[in-house]
PDB file of N, CA and C in Angstrom:
ATOM      1  N   UNK A   1     -65.754-115.495  80.681  1.00  0.00           N
ATOM      2  CA  UNK A   1     -65.947-116.691  79.885  1.00  0.00           C
ATOM      3  C   UNK A   1     -64.577-117.289  79.592  1.00  0.00           C
ATOM      4  N   UNK A   2     -64.407-118.509  79.990  1.00  0.00           N
ATOM      5  CA  UNK A   2     -63.099-119.143  79.882  1.00  0.00           C
ATOM      6  C   UNK A   2     -62.831-119.688  78.479  1.00  0.00           C
ATOM      7  N   UNK A   3     -63.759-120.453  77.919  1.00  0.00           N
ATOM      8  CA  UNK A   3     -63.501-121.087  76.627  1.00  0.00           C
ATOM      9  C   UNK A   3     -64.564-120.795  75.568  1.00  0.00           C
ATOM     10  N   UNK A   4     -65.499-119.909  75.853  1.00  0.00           N
ATOM     11  CA  UNK A   4     -66.544-119.581  74.885  1.00  0.00           C
ATOM     12  C   UNK A   4     -67.687-120.576  74.855  1.00  0.00           C
ATOM     13  N   UNK A   5     -67.651-121.606  75.690  1.00  0.00           N
ATOM     14  CA  UNK A   5     -68.706-122.624  75.711  1.00  0.00           C
ATOM     15  C   UNK A   5     -69.345-122.681  77.089  1.00  0.00           C
ATOM     16  N   UNK A   6     -69.774-121.520  77.564  1.00  0.00           N
ATOM     17  CA  UNK A   6     -70.404-121.465  78.876  1.00  0.00           C
ATOM     18  C   UNK A   6     -71.828-120.924  78.758  1.00  0.00           C
ATOM     19  N   UNK A   7     -72.596-121.186  79.785  1.00  0.00           N
ATOM     20  CA  UNK A   7     -73.975-120.727  79.861  1.00  0.00           C
ATOM     21  C   UNK A   7     -74.094-119.842  81.091  1.00  0.00           C
ATOM     22  N   UNK A   8     -74.755-118.698  80.945  1.00  0.00           N
ATOM     23  CA  UNK A   8     -74.999-117.814  82.072  1.00  0.00           C
ATOM     24  C   UNK A   8     -76.432-118.013  82.527  1.00  0.00           C
ATOM     25  N   UNK A   9     -76.608-118.339  83.812  1.00  0.00           N
ATOM     26  CA  UNK A   9     -77.930-118.561  84.396  1.00  0.00           C
ATOM     27  C   UNK A   9     -78.142-117.485  85.452  1.00  0.00           C
ATOM     28  N   UNK A  10     -79.328-116.870  85.457  1.00  0.00           N
ATOM     29  CA  UNK A  10     -79.623-115.821  86.437  1.00  0.00           C
ATOM     30  C   UNK A  10     -81.024-115.998  86.984  1.00  0.00           C
ATOM     31  N   UNK A  11     -81.190-115.671  88.255  1.00  0.00           N
ATOM     32  CA  UNK A  11     -82.497-115.710  88.896  1.00  0.00           C
ATOM     33  C   UNK A  11     -82.686-114.476  89.759  1.00  0.00           C
ATOM     34  N   UNK A  12     -83.933-114.006  89.866  1.00  0.00           N
ATOM     35  CA  UNK A  12     -84.232-112.768  90.578  1.00  0.00           C
ATOM     36  C   UNK A  12     -85.544-112.962  91.323  1.00  0.00           C
ATOM     37  N   UNK A  13     -85.598-112.599  92.609  1.00  0.00           N
ATOM     38  CA  UNK A  13     -86.825-112.770  93.391  1.00  0.00           C
ATOM     39  C   UNK A  13     -86.920-111.710  94.486  1.00  0.00           C
ATOM     40  N   UNK A  14     -88.135-111.402  94.883  1.00  0.00           N
ATOM     41  CA  UNK A  14     -88.375-110.481  96.000  1.00  0.00           C
ATOM     42  C   UNK A  14     -88.258-111.270  97.296  1.00  0.00           C
ATOM     43  N   UNK A  15     -87.581-110.685  98.288  1.00  0.00           N
ATOM     44  CA  UNK A  15     -87.409-111.354  99.580  1.00  0.00           C
ATOM     45  C   UNK A  15     -88.723-111.319 100.367  1.00  0.00           C
ATOM     46  N   UNK A  16     -88.988-112.350 101.178  1.00  0.00           N
ATOM     47  CA  UNK A  16     -90.219-112.393 101.970  1.00  0.00           C
ATOM     48  C   UNK A  16     -90.198-111.385 103.118  1.00  0.00           C
ATOM     49  N   UNK A  17     -91.371-110.936 103.530  1.00  0.00           N
ATOM     50  CA  UNK A  17     -91.499-110.035 104.683  1.00  0.00           C
ATOM     51  C   UNK A  17     -90.961-110.735 105.932  1.00  0.00           C
ATOM     52  N   UNK A  18     -90.361-109.966 106.826  1.00  0.00           N
ATOM     53  CA  UNK A  18     -89.857-110.515 108.078  1.00  0.00           C
ATOM     54  C   UNK A  18     -88.447-111.074 108.003  1.00  0.00           C
ATOM     55  N   UNK A  19     -87.895-111.169 106.826  1.00  0.00           N
ATOM     56  CA  UNK A  19     -86.522-111.670 106.680  1.00  0.00           C
ATOM     57  C   UNK A  19     -85.556-110.533 107.008  1.00  0.00           C
ATOM     58  N   UNK A  20     -84.534-110.803 107.815  1.00  0.00           N
ATOM     59  CA  UNK A  20     -83.593-109.768 108.255  1.00  0.00           C
ATOM     60  C   UNK A  20     -82.926-109.055 107.077  1.00  0.00           C
ATOM     61  N   UNK A  21     -82.601-109.776 106.030  1.00  0.00           N
ATOM     62  CA  UNK A  21     -81.923-109.184 104.873  1.00  0.00           C
ATOM     63  C   UNK A  21     -82.819-108.214 104.111  1.00  0.00           C
ATOM     64  N   UNK A  22     -84.132-108.282 104.320  1.00  0.00           N
ATOM     65  CA  UNK A  22     -85.058-107.406 103.599  1.00  0.00           C
ATOM     66  C   UNK A  22     -84.810-105.943 103.932  1.00  0.00           C
ATOM     67  N   UNK A  23     -84.291-105.643 105.136  1.00  0.00           N
ATOM     68  CA  UNK A  23     -84.003-104.255 105.496  1.00  0.00           C
ATOM     69  C   UNK A  23     -82.828-103.686 104.691  1.00  0.00           C
ATOM     70  N   UNK A  24     -81.994-104.550 104.132  1.00  0.00           N
ATOM     71  CA  UNK A  24     -80.846-104.117 103.333  1.00  0.00           C
ATOM     72  C   UNK A  24     -81.110-104.315 101.841  1.00  0.00           C
ATOM     73  N   UNK A  25     -81.698-105.443 101.484  1.00  0.00           N
ATOM     74  CA  UNK A  25     -81.959-105.787 100.091  1.00  0.00           C
ATOM     75  C   UNK A  25     -83.452-106.022  99.886  1.00  0.00           C
ATOM     76  N   UNK A  26     -84.023-105.448  98.859  1.00  0.00           N
ATOM     77  CA  UNK A  26     -85.424-105.715  98.519  1.00  0.00           C
ATOM     78  C   UNK A  26     -85.547-107.031  97.743  1.00  0.00           C
ATOM     79  N   UNK A  27     -84.528-107.317  96.941  1.00  0.00           N
ATOM     80  CA  UNK A  27     -84.570-108.497  96.084  1.00  0.00           C
ATOM     81  C   UNK A  27     -83.281-109.308  96.212  1.00  0.00           C
ATOM     82  N   UNK A  28     -83.350-110.531  95.749  1.00  0.00           N
ATOM     83  CA  UNK A  28     -82.210-111.447  95.732  1.00  0.00           C
ATOM     84  C   UNK A  28     -81.920-111.784  94.274  1.00  0.00           C
ATOM     85  N   UNK A  29     -80.669-111.666  93.885  1.00  0.00           N
ATOM     86  CA  UNK A  29     -80.267-112.045  92.536  1.00  0.00           C
ATOM     87  C   UNK A  29     -79.118-113.043  92.634  1.00  0.00           C
ATOM     88  N   UNK A  30     -79.252-114.125  91.894  1.00  0.00           N
ATOM     89  CA  UNK A  30     -78.212-115.153  91.848  1.00  0.00           C
ATOM     90  C   UNK A  30     -77.823-115.354  90.385  1.00  0.00           C
ATOM     91  N   UNK A  31     -76.524-115.387  90.114  1.00  0.00           N
ATOM     92  CA  UNK A  31     -76.042-115.671  88.765  1.00  0.00           C
ATOM     93  C   UNK A  31     -74.979-116.764  88.832  1.00  0.00           C
ATOM     94  N   UNK A  32     -74.884-117.532  87.770  1.00  0.00           N
ATOM     95  CA  UNK A  32     -73.854-118.579  87.688  1.00  0.00           C
ATOM     96  C   UNK A  32     -73.412-118.738  86.238  1.00  0.00           C
ATOM     97  N   UNK A  33     -72.127-118.907  86.057  1.00  0.00           N
ATOM     98  CA  UNK A  33     -71.571-119.241  84.748  1.00  0.00           C
ATOM     99  C   UNK A  33     -71.224-120.720  84.798  1.00  0.00           C
ATOM    100  N   UNK A  34     -71.812-121.498  83.882  1.00  0.00           N
ATOM    101  CA  UNK A  34     -71.697-122.956  83.904  1.00  0.00           C
ATOM    102  C   UNK A  34     -71.056-123.451  82.609  1.00  0.00           C
ATOM    103  N   UNK A  35     -70.119-124.376  82.745  1.00  0.00           N
ATOM    104  CA  UNK A  35     -69.508-125.022  81.582  1.00  0.00           C
ATOM    105  C   UNK A  35     -70.595-125.842  80.886  1.00  0.00           C
ATOM    106  N   UNK A  36     -70.843-125.567  79.615  1.00  0.00           N
ATOM    107  CA  UNK A  36     -71.928-126.217  78.881  1.00  0.00           C
ATOM    108  C   UNK A  36     -71.697-127.708  78.660  1.00  0.00           C
ATOM    109  N   UNK A  37     -70.456-128.129  78.562  1.00  0.00           N
ATOM    110  CA  UNK A  37     -70.164-129.539  78.293  1.00  0.00           C
ATOM    111  C   UNK A  37     -70.249-130.414  79.541  1.00  0.00           C
ATOM    112  N   UNK A  38     -69.683-129.926  80.654  1.00  0.00           N
ATOM    113  CA  UNK A  38     -69.579-130.760  81.846  1.00  0.00           C
ATOM    114  C   UNK A  38     -70.540-130.373  82.977  1.00  0.00           C
ATOM    115  N   UNK A  39     -71.204-129.217  82.858  1.00  0.00           N
ATOM    116  CA  UNK A  39     -72.137-128.780  83.888  1.00  0.00           C
ATOM    117  C   UNK A  39     -71.472-128.289  85.163  1.00  0.00           C
ATOM    118  N   UNK A  40     -70.222-127.900  85.079  1.00  0.00           N
ATOM    119  CA  UNK A  40     -69.466-127.425  86.226  1.00  0.00           C
ATOM    120  C   UNK A  40     -69.688-125.918  86.380  1.00  0.00           C
ATOM    121  N   UNK A  41     -69.975-125.470  87.610  1.00  0.00           N
ATOM    122  CA  UNK A  41     -70.126-124.038  87.874  1.00  0.00           C
ATOM    123  C   UNK A  41     -68.737-123.421  87.916  1.00  0.00           C
ATOM    124  N   UNK A  42     -68.501-122.453  87.029  1.00  0.00           N
ATOM    125  CA  UNK A  42     -67.204-121.795  86.946  1.00  0.00           C
ATOM    126  C   UNK A  42     -67.138-120.576  87.852  1.00  0.00           C
ATOM    127  N   UNK A  43     -68.241-119.833  87.926  1.00  0.00           N
ATOM    128  CA  UNK A  43     -68.340-118.663  88.789  1.00  0.00           C
ATOM    129  C   UNK A  43     -69.780-118.520  89.235  1.00  0.00           C
ATOM    130  N   UNK A  44     -69.965-117.964  90.436  1.00  0.00           N
ATOM    131  CA  UNK A  44     -71.314-117.726  90.942  1.00  0.00           C
ATOM    132  C   UNK A  44     -71.316-116.450  91.759  1.00  0.00           C
ATOM    133  N   UNK A  45     -72.482-115.809  91.810  1.00  0.00           N
ATOM    134  CA  UNK A  45     -72.614-114.555  92.547  1.00  0.00           C
ATOM    135  C   UNK A  45     -74.007-114.487  93.164  1.00  0.00           C
ATOM    136  N   UNK A  46     -74.084-113.869  94.337  1.00  0.00           N
ATOM    137  CA  UNK A  46     -75.364-113.693  95.031  1.00  0.00           C
ATOM    138  C   UNK A  46     -75.350-112.320  95.690  1.00  0.00           C
ATOM    139  N   UNK A  47     -76.450-111.558  95.561  1.00  0.00           N
ATOM    140  CA  UNK A  47     -76.488-110.223  96.145  1.00  0.00           C
ATOM    141  C   UNK A  47     -76.437-110.246  97.663  1.00  0.00           C
ATOM    142  N   UNK A  48     -76.772-111.353  98.318  1.00  0.00           N
ATOM    143  CA  UNK A  48     -76.737-111.428  99.769  1.00  0.00           C
ATOM    144  C   UNK A  48     -75.378-111.853 100.314  1.00  0.00           C
ATOM    145  N   UNK A  49     -74.479-112.264  99.456  1.00  0.00           N
ATOM    146  CA  UNK A  49     -73.156-112.711  99.916  1.00  0.00           C
ATOM    147  C   UNK A  49     -72.265-111.491 100.167  1.00  0.00           C
ATOM    148  N   UNK A  50     -71.726-111.391 101.377  1.00  0.00           N
ATOM    149  CA  UNK A  50     -70.816-110.300 101.688  1.00  0.00           C
ATOM    150  C   UNK A  50     -69.427-110.615 101.147  1.00  0.00           C
ATOM    151  N   UNK A  51     -68.592-109.610 101.071  1.00  0.00           N
ATOM    152  CA  UNK A  51     -67.213-109.826 100.613  1.00  0.00           C
ATOM    153  C   UNK A  51     -66.480-110.786 101.544  1.00  0.00           C
ATOM    154  N   UNK A  52     -66.750-110.707 102.855  1.00  0.00           N
ATOM    155  CA  UNK A  52     -66.082-111.582 103.809  1.00  0.00           C
ATOM    156  C   UNK A  52     -66.538-113.043 103.622  1.00  0.00           C
ATOM    157  N   UNK A  53     -67.775-113.238 103.203  1.00  0.00           N
ATOM    158  CA  UNK A  53     -68.291-114.586 103.039  1.00  0.00           C
ATOM    159  C   UNK A  53     -67.873-115.261 101.747  1.00  0.00           C
ATOM    160  N   UNK A  54     -67.298-114.499 100.844  1.00  0.00           N
ATOM    161  CA  UNK A  54     -66.916-115.063  99.540  1.00  0.00           C
ATOM    162  C   UNK A  54     -65.605-115.704  99.654  1.00  0.00           C
TER     163      UNK A  54
END
């Protein structure tokens, strides 16, 4: 948290059958820290994102 005025948003879902990532991950989780005043995403994370892709 940069200035104490941020919002943390999180989402969680089960991956559909037949998706290649399902063999590695059962679910997908996405989180984002958003500046409450300007709506700017400060940080984001996804369980499907590899370290190389970040």
